[in-house]
Protein backbone atom coordinates (compact mmCIF):
# COMPACT_ATOMS: atom_id res chain seq x y z
CA MET A 1 -20.39 56.55 27.11
CA VAL A 2 -17.61 55.52 24.21
CA GLU A 3 -17.70 52.13 23.00
CA THR A 4 -14.24 50.95 21.75
CA THR A 5 -13.61 48.07 19.18
CA ASN A 6 -10.02 46.85 18.03
CA ILE A 7 -9.80 47.23 14.80
CA GLU A 8 -6.91 45.62 12.70
CA ILE A 9 -4.15 48.11 11.35
CA ASN A 10 -1.31 47.71 8.53
CA THR A 11 1.45 49.60 9.39
CA CYS A 12 4.90 50.19 7.44
CA TYR A 13 7.44 53.21 6.60
CA VAL A 14 7.20 55.06 3.77
CA LYS A 15 9.06 57.95 1.80
CA VAL A 16 6.96 60.91 0.94
CA PRO A 17 8.93 63.17 -2.09
CA ASN A 18 8.78 66.81 -1.65
CA ASN A 19 10.94 68.57 -4.37
CA ASP A 20 14.00 66.90 -4.50
CA LEU A 21 13.73 65.54 -1.21
CA GLU A 22 12.55 62.30 0.17
CA ILE A 23 10.75 62.51 4.13
CA ASP A 24 10.44 59.40 5.64
CA ALA A 25 7.24 58.75 6.97
CA TYR A 26 5.14 56.34 8.86
CA LEU A 27 2.04 54.87 7.44
CA ALA A 28 -1.06 53.28 9.33
CA GLN A 29 -4.36 52.48 7.96
CA PRO A 30 -7.38 50.08 8.36
CA ALA A 31 -6.85 46.56 7.10
CA HIS A 32 -10.57 46.52 6.12
CA LYS A 33 -12.47 49.12 4.17
CA ALA A 34 -15.16 51.07 6.25
CA THR A 35 -15.63 54.87 7.92
CA PHE A 36 -13.17 55.44 10.15
CA GLY A 37 -12.02 59.01 11.61
CA ALA A 38 -8.24 60.38 10.66
CA VAL A 39 -5.47 61.86 12.36
CA LYS A 40 -3.10 63.80 10.51
CA PHE A 41 0.24 64.90 12.26
CA PHE A 42 3.32 66.89 10.44
CA GLN A 43 6.07 67.33 12.73
CA LYS A 44 7.64 70.93 11.56
CA PHE A 45 11.39 70.49 12.15
CA LEU A 46 12.99 71.37 8.68
CA ALA A 47 12.21 74.75 9.55
CA SER A 48 14.28 74.75 13.07
CA ILE A 49 17.13 72.85 11.41
CA ALA A 50 17.31 75.93 8.57
CA THR A 51 17.04 78.65 11.35
CA LEU A 52 20.15 76.86 13.35
CA ARG A 53 22.22 76.76 10.12
CA ILE A 54 21.67 80.73 9.72
CA SER A 55 21.91 81.22 13.42
CA PRO A 56 25.52 83.07 13.88
CA ASN A 57 25.38 81.47 17.42
């Protein structure tokens, strides 16, 4: 059986620096200190955009 608990979460939009580029990101983190599991999500879209620009079609 899985036990669930409502946890207060602080959220905000941030900018992640990457060389001369700043990438918009969304940050969500627990409001209180404790031990929690984590999920990291990185969407790979920059390579697709570069491919579209190079493609002759």
